[in-house]
Amino acid sequence: MILASNIAVNLIASAGEKLASLRAAKLLVDSFINNQD
C-alpha cells in the first residue's frame, strides 16, 4: 500500500515537472514571437 502511494506521488511530481517545463517553453516561444513585431 505504501509502495503504491509512493509511485503515485512520484508520477504526480514528474507530471508537475513536465507541465512546468512545457509552460516555460511556451513562455519562451511567446516572447520570441512577440519580439518579431
Protein backbone atom coordinates (compact mmCIF):
# COMPACT_ATOMS: atom_id res chain seq x y z
CA MET A 1 0.00 0.00 0.00
CA ILE A 2 2.81 2.41 0.90
CA LEU A 3 4.66 1.47 -2.29
CA ALA A 4 1.61 2.26 -4.41
CA SER A 5 1.21 5.68 -2.81
CA ASN A 6 4.92 6.42 -3.32
CA ILE A 7 4.57 5.54 -7.02
CA ALA A 8 1.51 7.79 -7.30
CA VAL A 9 3.36 10.68 -5.64
CA ASN A 10 6.33 10.20 -7.98
CA LEU A 11 4.05 10.16 -11.04
CA ILE A 12 2.30 13.34 -9.93
CA ALA A 13 5.63 15.04 -9.21
CA SER A 14 7.09 14.12 -12.61
CA ALA A 15 3.88 15.24 -14.33
CA GLY A 16 4.17 18.57 -12.50
CA GLU A 17 7.77 18.97 -13.66
CA LYS A 18 6.78 18.22 -17.26
CA LEU A 19 3.94 20.73 -17.03
CA ALA A 20 6.26 23.38 -15.61
CA SER A 21 8.85 22.84 -18.35
CA LEU A 22 6.13 22.96 -21.02
CA ARG A 23 4.86 26.22 -19.56
CA ALA A 24 8.39 27.65 -19.54
CA ALA A 25 8.89 26.58 -23.16
CA LYS A 26 5.58 28.22 -24.11
CA LEU A 27 6.67 31.45 -22.42
CA LEU A 28 9.93 31.38 -24.38
CA VAL A 29 8.10 30.82 -27.66
CA ASP A 30 5.55 33.53 -26.89
CA SER A 31 8.25 36.08 -26.05
CA PHE A 32 10.16 35.14 -29.21
CA ILE A 33 7.02 35.62 -31.34
CA ASN A 34 6.27 38.95 -29.64
CA ASN A 35 9.81 40.17 -30.39
CA GLN A 36 9.30 39.57 -34.11
CA ASP A 37 6.96 42.55 -34.47
